[in-house]
């Protein structure tokens, strides 16, 4: 197996991993927003800005993970960030 084939195989593996992480983060973000909205934890005047900020932050992480992670270090950092956000 040549170096180029090995690099493509490695990239496909990370792409699958990134897609799975993206799906998990999207589902957990929607569930979190639903719970905050349903339980009425926040007052109405700050509810929408907070939920939009959470949604925007999750979207930025998804875009970074799927489209901007080219080097090994950035892939690791973005993957850790997505896991930390998903866990909280």
PDB file of N, CA and C in Angstrom:
ATOM      1  N   UNK A   1       0.855  -1.168   0.000  1.00  0.00           N
ATOM      2  CA  UNK A   1       0.000   0.000   0.000  1.00  0.00           C
ATOM      3  C   UNK A   1       0.902   1.231   0.000  1.00  0.00           C
ATOM      4  N   UNK A   2       0.653   2.138  -0.925  1.00  0.00           N
ATOM      5  CA  UNK A   2       1.477   3.335  -1.022  1.00  0.00           C
ATOM      6  C   UNK A   2       1.066   4.350   0.049  1.00  0.00           C
ATOM      7  N   UNK A   3       1.905   5.342   0.232  1.00  0.00           N
ATOM      8  CA  UNK A   3       1.659   6.381   1.239  1.00  0.00           C
ATOM      9  C   UNK A   3       0.383   7.156   0.920  1.00  0.00           C
ATOM     10  N   UNK A   4       0.148   7.406  -0.372  1.00  0.00           N
ATOM     11  CA  UNK A   4      -1.033   8.172  -0.778  1.00  0.00           C
ATOM     12  C   UNK A   4      -2.320   7.386  -0.493  1.00  0.00           C
ATOM     13  N   UNK A   5      -2.308   6.076  -0.781  1.00  0.00           N
ATOM     14  CA  UNK A   5      -3.479   5.253  -0.489  1.00  0.00           C
ATOM     15  C   UNK A   5      -3.737   5.183   1.010  1.00  0.00           C
ATOM     16  N   UNK A   6      -2.662   5.092   1.793  1.00  0.00           N
ATOM     17  CA  UNK A   6      -2.796   5.041   3.241  1.00  0.00           C
ATOM     18  C   UNK A   6      -3.386   6.347   3.777  1.00  0.00           C
ATOM     19  N   UNK A   7      -2.959   7.479   3.206  1.00  0.00           N
ATOM     20  CA  UNK A   7      -3.483   8.774   3.627  1.00  0.00           C
ATOM     21  C   UNK A   7      -4.953   8.932   3.296  1.00  0.00           C
ATOM     22  N   UNK A   8      -5.373   8.439   2.127  1.00  0.00           N
ATOM     23  CA  UNK A   8      -6.791   8.516   1.755  1.00  0.00           C
ATOM     24  C   UNK A   8      -7.631   7.625   2.650  1.00  0.00           C
ATOM     25  N   UNK A   9      -7.116   6.419   2.954  1.00  0.00           N
ATOM     26  CA  UNK A   9      -7.857   5.513   3.821  1.00  0.00           C
ATOM     27  C   UNK A   9      -8.008   6.113   5.208  1.00  0.00           C
ATOM     28  N   UNK A  10      -6.957   6.759   5.695  1.00  0.00           N
ATOM     29  CA  UNK A  10      -6.993   7.411   6.990  1.00  0.00           C
ATOM     30  C   UNK A  10      -7.987   8.569   6.986  1.00  0.00           C
ATOM     31  N   UNK A  11      -8.034   9.327   5.890  1.00  0.00           N
ATOM     32  CA  UNK A  11      -8.963  10.455   5.794  1.00  0.00           C
ATOM     33  C   UNK A  11     -10.405   9.983   5.749  1.00  0.00           C
ATOM     34  N   UNK A  12     -10.665   8.876   5.056  1.00  0.00           N
ATOM     35  CA  UNK A  12     -12.024   8.341   5.005  1.00  0.00           C
ATOM     36  C   UNK A  12     -12.459   7.890   6.393  1.00  0.00           C
ATOM     37  N   UNK A  13     -11.544   7.296   7.142  1.00  0.00           N
ATOM     38  CA  UNK A  13     -11.861   6.885   8.510  1.00  0.00           C
ATOM     39  C   UNK A  13     -12.213   8.080   9.378  1.00  0.00           C
ATOM     40  N   UNK A  14     -11.464   9.174   9.246  1.00  0.00           N
ATOM     41  CA  UNK A  14     -11.786  10.364  10.036  1.00  0.00           C
ATOM     42  C   UNK A  14     -13.089  10.990   9.567  1.00  0.00           C
ATOM     43  N   UNK A  15     -13.365  10.950   8.265  1.00  0.00           N
ATOM     44  CA  UNK A  15     -14.619  11.520   7.763  1.00  0.00           C
ATOM     45  C   UNK A  15     -15.813  10.787   8.364  1.00  0.00           C
ATOM     46  N   UNK A  16     -15.745   9.465   8.439  1.00  0.00           N
ATOM     47  CA  UNK A  16     -16.832   8.688   9.041  1.00  0.00           C
ATOM     48  C   UNK A  16     -16.960   9.033  10.526  1.00  0.00           C
ATOM     49  N   UNK A  17     -15.818   9.129  11.209  1.00  0.00           N
ATOM     50  CA  UNK A  17     -15.816   9.497  12.625  1.00  0.00           C
ATOM     51  C   UNK A  17     -16.406  10.892  12.822  1.00  0.00           C
ATOM     52  N   UNK A  18     -16.047  11.838  11.958  1.00  0.00           N
ATOM     53  CA  UNK A  18     -16.554  13.214  12.063  1.00  0.00           C
ATOM     54  C   UNK A  18     -18.049  13.263  11.807  1.00  0.00           C
ATOM     55  N   UNK A  19     -18.524  12.494  10.846  1.00  0.00           N
ATOM     56  CA  UNK A  19     -19.964  12.465  10.559  1.00  0.00           C
ATOM     57  C   UNK A  19     -20.732  11.894  11.742  1.00  0.00           C
ATOM     58  N   UNK A  20     -20.217  10.820  12.337  1.00  0.00           N
ATOM     59  CA  UNK A  20     -20.881  10.247  13.514  1.00  0.00           C
ATOM     60  C   UNK A  20     -20.896  11.231  14.683  1.00  0.00           C
ATOM     61  N   UNK A  21     -19.767  11.899  14.922  1.00  0.00           N
ATOM     62  CA  UNK A  21     -19.734  12.910  15.979  1.00  0.00           C
ATOM     63  C   UNK A  21     -20.692  14.053  15.686  1.00  0.00           C
ATOM     64  N   UNK A  22     -20.787  14.431  14.424  1.00  0.00           N
ATOM     65  CA  UNK A  22     -21.691  15.522  14.039  1.00  0.00           C
ATOM     66  C   UNK A  22     -23.143  15.150  14.295  1.00  0.00           C
ATOM     67  N   UNK A  23     -23.506  13.936  13.968  1.00  0.00           N
ATOM     68  CA  UNK A  23     -24.879  13.478  14.203  1.00  0.00           C
ATOM     69  C   UNK A  23     -25.181  13.459  15.692  1.00  0.00           C
ATOM     70  N   UNK A  24     -24.244  12.934  16.470  1.00  0.00           N
ATOM     71  CA  UNK A  24     -24.443  12.883  17.926  1.00  0.00           C
ATOM     72  C   UNK A  24     -24.579  14.287  18.502  1.00  0.00           C
ATOM     73  N   UNK A  25     -23.698  15.200  18.091  1.00  0.00           N
ATOM     74  CA  UNK A  25     -23.765  16.572  18.604  1.00  0.00           C
ATOM     75  C   UNK A  25     -25.066  17.252  18.186  1.00  0.00           C
ATOM     76  N   UNK A  26     -25.495  17.053  16.962  1.00  0.00           N
ATOM     77  CA  UNK A  26     -26.738  17.684  16.500  1.00  0.00           C
ATOM     78  C   UNK A  26     -27.934  17.170  17.292  1.00  0.00           C
ATOM     79  N   UNK A  27     -28.013  15.869  17.500  1.00  0.00           N
ATOM     80  CA  UNK A  27     -29.136  15.294  18.249  1.00  0.00           C
ATOM     81  C   UNK A  27     -29.125  15.779  19.694  1.00  0.00           C
ATOM     82  N   UNK A  28     -27.957  15.769  20.328  1.00  0.00           N
ATOM     83  CA  UNK A  28     -27.880  16.213  21.721  1.00  0.00           C
ATOM     84  C   UNK A  28     -28.153  17.706  21.866  1.00  0.00           C
ATOM     85  N   UNK A  29     -27.757  18.497  20.885  1.00  0.00           N
ATOM     86  CA  UNK A  29     -28.048  19.932  20.934  1.00  0.00           C
ATOM     87  C   UNK A  29     -29.551  20.180  20.827  1.00  0.00           C
ATOM     88  N   UNK A  30     -30.197  19.481  19.923  1.00  0.00           N
ATOM     89  CA  UNK A  30     -31.652  19.641  19.767  1.00  0.00           C
ATOM     90  C   UNK A  30     -32.370  19.178  21.032  1.00  0.00           C
ATOM     91  N   UNK A  31     -31.942  18.070  21.609  1.00  0.00           N
ATOM     92  CA  UNK A  31     -32.561  17.604  22.847  1.00  0.00           C
ATOM     93  C   UNK A  31     -32.344  18.585  23.995  1.00  0.00           C
ATOM     94  N   UNK A  32     -31.152  19.165  24.072  1.00  0.00           N
ATOM     95  CA  UNK A  32     -30.872  20.146  25.122  1.00  0.00           C
ATOM     96  C   UNK A  32     -31.740  21.389  24.956  1.00  0.00           C
ATOM     97  N   UNK A  33     -31.843  21.883  23.736  1.00  0.00           N
ATOM     98  CA  UNK A  33     -32.673  23.062  23.478  1.00  0.00           C
ATOM     99  C   UNK A  33     -34.132  22.768  23.801  1.00  0.00           C
ATOM    100  N   UNK A  34     -34.595  21.577  23.434  1.00  0.00           N
ATOM    101  CA  UNK A  34     -35.968  21.184  23.740  1.00  0.00           C
ATOM    102  C   UNK A  34     -36.192  21.147  25.253  1.00  0.00           C
ATOM    103  N   UNK A  35     -35.253  20.558  26.006  1.00  0.00           N
ATOM    104  CA  UNK A  35     -35.405  20.479  27.452  1.00  0.00           C
ATOM    105  C   UNK A  35     -35.411  21.856  28.107  1.00  0.00           C
ATOM    106  N   UNK A  36     -34.508  22.728  27.679  1.00  0.00           N
ATOM    107  CA  UNK A  36     -34.468  24.077  28.251  1.00  0.00           C
ATOM    108  C   UNK A  36     -35.767  24.815  27.948  1.00  0.00           C
ATOM    109  N   UNK A  37     -36.267  24.672  26.740  1.00  0.00           N
ATOM    110  CA  UNK A  37     -37.505  25.334  26.352  1.00  0.00           C
ATOM    111  C   UNK A  37     -38.703  24.744  27.094  1.00  0.00           C
ATOM    112  N   UNK A  38     -38.768  23.424  27.165  1.00  0.00           N
ATOM    113  CA  UNK A  38     -39.902  22.743  27.789  1.00  0.00           C
ATOM    114  C   UNK A  38     -39.950  22.976  29.306  1.00  0.00           C
ATOM    115  N   UNK A  39     -38.798  22.957  29.962  1.00  0.00           N
ATOM    116  CA  UNK A  39     -38.765  23.127  31.409  1.00  0.00           C
ATOM    117  C   UNK A  39     -38.854  24.582  31.849  1.00  0.00           C
ATOM    118  N   UNK A  40     -38.710  25.507  30.918  1.00  0.00           N
ATOM    119  CA  UNK A  40     -38.763  26.943  31.186  1.00  0.00           C
ATOM    120  C   UNK A  40     -37.803  27.334  32.310  1.00  0.00           C
ATOM    121  N   UNK A  41     -36.560  26.917  32.157  1.00  0.00           N
ATOM    122  CA  UNK A  41     -35.527  27.208  33.142  1.00  0.00           C
ATOM    123  C   UNK A  41     -35.129  28.678  33.095  1.00  0.00           C
ATOM    124  N   UNK A  42     -35.079  29.241  31.903  1.00  0.00           N
ATOM    125  CA  UNK A  42     -34.646  30.621  31.717  1.00  0.00           C
ATOM    126  C   UNK A  42     -35.837  31.545  31.541  1.00  0.00           C
ATOM    127  N   UNK A  43     -35.694  32.808  31.956  1.00  0.00           N
ATOM    128  CA  UNK A  43     -36.762  33.771  31.685  1.00  0.00           C
ATOM    129  C   UNK A  43     -36.903  34.006  30.182  1.00  0.00           C
ATOM    130  N   UNK A  44     -38.085  34.391  29.765  1.00  0.00           N
ATOM    131  CA  UNK A  44     -38.382  34.530  28.340  1.00  0.00           C
ATOM    132  C   UNK A  44     -37.514  35.574  27.634  1.00  0.00           C
ATOM    133  N   UNK A  45     -37.081  36.609  28.336  1.00  0.00           N
ATOM    134  CA  UNK A  45     -36.311  37.660  27.663  1.00  0.00           C
ATOM    135  C   UNK A  45     -34.898  37.226  27.297  1.00  0.00           C
ATOM    136  N   UNK A  46     -34.350  36.205  27.957  1.00  0.00           N
ATOM    137  CA  UNK A  46     -33.015  35.722  27.576  1.00  0.00           C
ATOM    138  C   UNK A  46     -33.030  34.308  27.004  1.00  0.00           C
ATOM    139  N   UNK A  47     -34.186  33.699  26.932  1.00  0.00           N
ATOM    140  CA  UNK A  47     -34.286  32.322  26.450  1.00  0.00           C
ATOM    141  C   UNK A  47     -33.828  32.189  24.995  1.00  0.00           C
ATOM    142  N   UNK A  48     -34.369  32.995  24.116  1.00  0.00           N
ATOM    143  CA  UNK A  48     -34.048  32.896  22.685  1.00  0.00           C
ATOM    144  C   UNK A  48     -32.582  33.232  22.409  1.00  0.00           C
ATOM    145  N   UNK A  49     -32.009  34.319  22.960  1.00  0.00           N
ATOM    146  CA  UNK A  49     -30.580  34.580  22.694  1.00  0.00           C
ATOM    147  C   UNK A  49     -29.651  33.461  23.190  1.00  0.00           C
ATOM    148  N   UNK A  50     -29.943  32.891  24.341  1.00  0.00           N
ATOM    149  CA  UNK A  50     -29.108  31.805  24.866  1.00  0.00           C
ATOM    150  C   UNK A  50     -29.220  30.574  23.975  1.00  0.00           C
ATOM    151  N   UNK A  51     -30.421  30.225  23.575  1.00  0.00           N
ATOM    152  CA  UNK A  51     -30.609  29.049  22.719  1.00  0.00           C
ATOM    153  C   UNK A  51     -29.970  29.258  21.345  1.00  0.00           C
ATOM    154  N   UNK A  52     -30.060  30.468  20.816  1.00  0.00           N
ATOM    155  CA  UNK A  52     -29.407  30.755  19.540  1.00  0.00           C
ATOM    156  C   UNK A  52     -27.883  30.691  19.669  1.00  0.00           C
ATOM    157  N   UNK A  53     -27.348  31.142  20.784  1.00  0.00           N
ATOM    158  CA  UNK A  53     -25.904  31.071  21.009  1.00  0.00           C
ATOM    159  C   UNK A  53     -25.437  29.614  21.094  1.00  0.00           C
ATOM    160  N   UNK A  54     -26.188  28.779  21.773  1.00  0.00           N
ATOM    161  CA  UNK A  54     -25.851  27.351  21.860  1.00  0.00           C
ATOM    162  C   UNK A  54     -25.908  26.711  20.484  1.00  0.00           C
ATOM    163  N   UNK A  55     -26.943  27.017  19.728  1.00  0.00           N
ATOM    164  CA  UNK A  55     -27.091  26.471  18.385  1.00  0.00           C
ATOM    165  C   UNK A  55     -25.970  26.942  17.465  1.00  0.00           C
ATOM    166  N   UNK A  56     -25.616  28.213  17.553  1.00  0.00           N
ATOM    167  CA  UNK A  56     -24.545  28.761  16.726  1.00  0.00           C
ATOM    168  C   UNK A  56     -23.191  28.141  17.091  1.00  0.00           C
ATOM    169  N   UNK A  57     -22.921  27.980  18.370  1.00  0.00           N
ATOM    170  CA  UNK A  57     -21.672  27.365  18.804  1.00  0.00           C
ATOM    171  C   UNK A  57     -21.563  25.919  18.313  1.00  0.00           C
ATOM    172  N   UNK A  58     -22.653  25.176  18.403  1.00  0.00           N
ATOM    173  CA  UNK A  58     -22.654  23.796  17.913  1.00  0.00           C
ATOM    174  C   UNK A  58     -22.453  23.748  16.403  1.00  0.00           C
ATOM    175  N   UNK A  59     -23.089  24.657  15.695  1.00  0.00           N
ATOM    176  CA  UNK A  59     -22.936  24.701  14.241  1.00  0.00           C
ATOM    177  C   UNK A  59     -21.501  25.034  13.845  1.00  0.00           C
ATOM    178  N   UNK A  60     -20.883  25.971  14.552  1.00  0.00           N
ATOM    179  CA  UNK A  60     -19.485  26.320  14.270  1.00  0.00           C
ATOM    180  C   UNK A  60     -18.579  25.111  14.510  1.00  0.00           C
ATOM    181  N   UNK A  61     -18.803  24.390  15.609  1.00  0.00           N
ATOM    182  CA  UNK A  61     -17.994  23.202  15.874  1.00  0.00           C
ATOM    183  C   UNK A  61     -18.181  22.138  14.803  1.00  0.00           C
ATOM    184  N   UNK A  62     -19.410  21.955  14.352  1.00  0.00           N
ATOM    185  CA  UNK A  62     -19.662  20.972  13.296  1.00  0.00           C
ATOM    186  C   UNK A  62     -18.950  21.352  12.006  1.00  0.00           C
ATOM    187  N   UNK A  63     -19.011  22.614  11.647  1.00  0.00           N
ATOM    188  CA  UNK A  63     -18.337  23.061  10.429  1.00  0.00           C
ATOM    189  C   UNK A  63     -16.819  22.935  10.549  1.00  0.00           C
ATOM    190  N   UNK A  64     -16.270  23.289  11.691  1.00  0.00           N
ATOM    191  CA  UNK A  64     -14.832  23.154  11.893  1.00  0.00           C
ATOM    192  C   UNK A  64     -14.399  21.696  11.815  1.00  0.00           C
ATOM    193  N   UNK A  65     -15.153  20.829  12.452  1.00  0.00           N
ATOM    194  CA  UNK A  65     -14.799  19.416  12.470  1.00  0.00           C
ATOM    195  C   UNK A  65     -14.864  18.803  11.079  1.00  0.00           C
ATOM    196  N   UNK A  66     -15.886  19.144  10.319  1.00  0.00           N
ATOM    197  CA  UNK A  66     -16.091  18.489   9.029  1.00  0.00           C
ATOM    198  C   UNK A  66     -15.322  19.123   7.877  1.00  0.00           C
ATOM    199  N   UNK A  67     -15.039  20.413   7.934  1.00  0.00           N
ATOM    200  CA  UNK A  67     -14.459  21.069   6.769  1.00  0.00           C
ATOM    201  C   UNK A  67     -13.108  21.728   7.009  1.00  0.00           C
ATOM    202  N   UNK A  68     -12.735  21.988   8.250  1.00  0.00           N
ATOM    203  CA  UNK A  68     -11.484  22.721   8.504  1.00  0.00           C
ATOM    204  C   UNK A  68     -10.420  21.886   9.204  1.00  0.00           C
ATOM    205  N   UNK A  69     -10.721  20.665   9.547  1.00  0.00           N
ATOM    206  CA  UNK A  69      -9.754  19.821  10.246  1.00  0.00           C
ATOM    207  C   UNK A  69      -8.914  19.059   9.222  1.00  0.00           C
ATOM    208  N   UNK A  70      -7.718  19.592   8.930  1.00  0.00           N
ATOM    209  CA  UNK A  70      -6.863  18.945   7.941  1.00  0.00           C
ATOM    210  C   UNK A  70      -5.661  18.278   8.588  1.00  0.00           C
ATOM    211  N   UNK A  71      -5.072  18.907   9.569  1.00  0.00           N
ATOM    212  CA  UNK A  71      -3.909  18.341  10.233  1.00  0.00           C
ATOM    213  C   UNK A  71      -4.317  17.446  11.392  1.00  0.00           C
ATOM    214  N   UNK A  72      -3.406  16.636  11.844  1.00  0.00           N
ATOM    215  CA  UNK A  72      -3.688  15.709  12.934  1.00  0.00           C
ATOM    216  C   UNK A  72      -4.040  16.449  14.224  1.00  0.00           C
ATOM    217  N   UNK A  73      -3.318  17.513  14.520  1.00  0.00           N
ATOM    218  CA  UNK A  73      -3.555  18.265  15.755  1.00  0.00           C
ATOM    219  C   UNK A  73      -4.943  18.905  15.743  1.00  0.00           C
ATOM    220  N   UNK A  74      -5.320  19.509  14.626  1.00  0.00           N
ATOM    221  CA  UNK A  74      -6.643  20.139  14.561  1.00  0.00           C
ATOM    222  C   UNK A  74      -7.759  19.106  14.624  1.00  0.00           C
ATOM    223  N   UNK A  75      -7.547  17.952  14.026  1.00  0.00           N
ATOM    224  CA  UNK A  75      -8.553  16.888  14.109  1.00  0.00           C
ATOM    225  C   UNK A  75      -8.755  16.453  15.557  1.00  0.00           C
ATOM    226  N   UNK A  76      -7.659  16.312  16.273  1.00  0.00           N
ATOM    227  CA  UNK A  76      -7.748  15.895  17.678  1.00  0.00           C
ATOM    228  C   UNK A  76      -8.423  16.968  18.519  1.00  0.00           C
ATOM    229  N   UNK A  77      -8.034  18.227  18.332  1.00  0.00           N
ATOM    230  CA  UNK A  77      -8.605  19.323  19.118  1.00  0.00           C
ATOM    231  C   UNK A  77     -10.108  19.455  18.856  1.00  0.00           C
ATOM    232  N   UNK A  78     -10.518  19.444  17.585  1.00  0.00           N
ATOM    233  CA  UNK A  78     -11.935  19.580  17.276  1.00  0.00           C
ATOM    234  C   UNK A  78     -12.729  18.380  17.778  1.00  0.00           C
ATOM    235  N   UNK A  79     -12.157  17.194  17.681  1.00  0.00           N
ATOM    236  CA  UNK A  79     -12.849  16.007  18.180  1.00  0.00           C
ATOM    237  C   UNK A  79     -13.040  16.076  19.688  1.00  0.00           C
ATOM    238  N   UNK A  80     -12.022  16.539  20.397  1.00  0.00           N
ATOM    239  CA  UNK A  80     -12.135  16.680  21.853  1.00  0.00           C
ATOM    240  C   UNK A  80     -13.177  17.733  22.209  1.00  0.00           C
ATOM    241  N   UNK A  81     -13.184  18.864  21.502  1.00  0.00           N
ATOM    242  CA  UNK A  81     -14.179  19.906  21.764  1.00  0.00           C
ATOM    243  C   UNK A  81     -15.602  19.393  21.549  1.00  0.00           C
ATOM    244  N   UNK A  82     -15.817  18.664  20.476  1.00  0.00           N
ATOM    245  CA  UNK A  82     -17.149  18.131  20.201  1.00  0.00           C
ATOM    246  C   UNK A  82     -17.549  17.130  21.277  1.00  0.00           C
ATOM    247  N   UNK A  83     -16.624  16.303  21.712  1.00  0.00           N
ATOM    248  CA  UNK A  83     -16.944  15.344  22.777  1.00  0.00           C
ATOM    249  C   UNK A  83     -17.247  16.038  24.092  1.00  0.00           C
ATOM    250  N   UNK A  84     -16.515  17.085  24.414  1.00  0.00           N
ATOM    251  CA  UNK A  84     -16.754  17.809  25.668  1.00  0.00           C
ATOM    252  C   UNK A  84     -18.124  18.492  25.618  1.00  0.00           C
ATOM    253  N   UNK A  85     -18.425  19.120  24.488  1.00  0.00           N
ATOM    254  CA  UNK A  85     -19.726  19.779  24.360  1.00  0.00           C
ATOM    255  C   UNK A  85     -20.867  18.754  24.399  1.00  0.00           C
ATOM    256  N   UNK A  86     -20.671  17.628  23.773  1.00  0.00           N
ATOM    257  CA  UNK A  86     -21.697  16.573  23.774  1.00  0.00           C
ATOM    258  C   UNK A  86     -21.900  15.993  25.174  1.00  0.00           C
ATOM    259  N   UNK A  87     -20.850  15.923  25.947  1.00  0.00           N
ATOM    260  CA  UNK A  87     -20.950  15.332  27.282  1.00  0.00           C
ATOM    261  C   UNK A  87     -21.639  16.252  28.276  1.00  0.00           C
ATOM    262  N   UNK A  88     -21.615  17.566  28.013  1.00  0.00           N
ATOM    263  CA  UNK A  88     -22.214  18.488  28.977  1.00  0.00           C
ATOM    264  C   UNK A  88     -23.617  18.771  28.674  1.00  0.00           C
TER     265      UNK A  88
END
